Amino acid sequence: MGLPHATVYALAARSNDHLIAGTAQGLYQASDQDSTWQPVTAGLVRRPVLALATGRADTLYAGASEGTVYAAR
């Protein structure tokens, strides 16, 4: 499955060889070995993700449209 027909606002690479896309329809991820994009729903409601960043211990930070920042490992 490819990314949905939605605007991609941000991309981030994680140390586990996953690429994360922040889109108008939420977060999606694909592994380096597989070009299939899957929605990331753990702890997130489907909402636009405008910014992504990685931090210590490969923590992923996602900035959502309503101003909330989510963190996940």
Protein backbone atom coordinates (compact mmCIF):
# COMPACT_ATOMS: atom_id res chain seq x y z
CA MET A 1 0.00 0.00 0.00
CA GLY A 2 1.31 3.43 -0.84
CA LEU A 3 0.76 6.63 1.03
CA PRO A 4 -2.80 7.93 0.86
CA HIS A 5 -3.55 10.76 -1.51
CA ALA A 6 -2.78 13.34 1.13
CA THR A 7 -0.27 16.09 1.63
CA VAL A 8 2.98 14.92 3.26
CA TYR A 9 4.16 17.56 5.72
CA ALA A 10 7.19 15.85 7.29
CA LEU A 11 9.50 12.83 7.01
CA ALA A 12 11.75 11.25 9.64
CA ALA A 13 14.08 8.24 9.62
CA ARG A 14 14.39 6.02 12.68
CA SER A 15 17.34 3.86 13.67
CA ASN A 16 15.27 0.69 13.10
CA ASP A 17 15.30 1.39 9.33
CA HIS A 18 11.76 2.77 9.34
CA LEU A 19 10.76 5.88 7.49
CA ILE A 20 7.91 7.86 9.06
CA ALA A 21 5.68 10.28 7.13
CA GLY A 22 3.51 12.92 8.77
CA THR A 23 0.53 13.50 6.50
CA ALA A 24 -2.80 15.29 6.45
CA GLN A 25 -4.33 11.91 7.39
CA GLY A 26 -1.96 11.01 10.24
CA LEU A 27 1.28 9.04 10.58
CA TYR A 28 2.47 6.32 8.23
CA GLN A 29 5.59 4.16 8.34
CA ALA A 30 7.52 1.96 5.94
CA SER A 31 10.54 -0.23 6.61
CA ASP A 32 13.69 -0.09 4.55
CA GLN A 33 13.05 -3.65 3.34
CA ASP A 34 9.45 -2.97 2.34
CA SER A 35 8.00 -0.08 0.40
CA THR A 36 4.53 -0.68 1.86
CA TRP A 37 3.26 2.21 3.96
CA GLN A 38 1.15 1.31 6.99
CA PRO A 39 -0.82 3.71 9.19
CA VAL A 40 0.58 4.25 12.69
CA THR A 41 -2.32 4.35 15.10
CA ALA A 42 -0.83 3.41 18.50
CA GLY A 43 -1.91 6.17 20.85
CA LEU A 44 -2.87 8.55 18.05
CA VAL A 45 -6.17 9.69 16.68
CA ARG A 46 -6.17 10.28 12.93
CA ARG A 47 -5.24 13.93 12.62
CA PRO A 48 -2.83 15.92 10.51
CA VAL A 49 0.80 15.58 11.62
CA LEU A 50 2.70 18.70 10.61
CA ALA A 51 6.15 18.08 12.12
CA LEU A 52 8.38 15.11 13.03
CA ALA A 53 11.64 14.90 14.93
CA THR A 54 13.72 12.15 16.52
CA GLY A 55 15.47 12.50 19.85
CA ARG A 56 17.39 10.49 22.41
CA ALA A 57 16.81 6.74 22.49
CA ASP A 58 15.17 7.00 19.06
CA THR A 59 12.13 8.78 20.51
CA LEU A 60 9.85 10.06 17.77
CA TYR A 61 8.08 13.38 18.32
CA ALA A 62 5.04 14.21 16.21
CA GLY A 63 3.49 17.67 16.16
CA ALA A 64 -0.22 17.51 15.38
CA SER A 65 -2.38 20.21 13.83
CA GLU A 66 -4.15 21.15 17.05
CA GLY A 67 -0.83 22.03 18.72
CA THR A 68 -0.26 18.77 20.62
CA VAL A 69 3.14 17.05 20.54
CA TYR A 70 3.15 13.26 20.86
CA ALA A 71 6.22 11.22 21.83
CA ALA A 72 6.77 7.51 21.14
CA ARG A 73 9.63 5.03 21.24
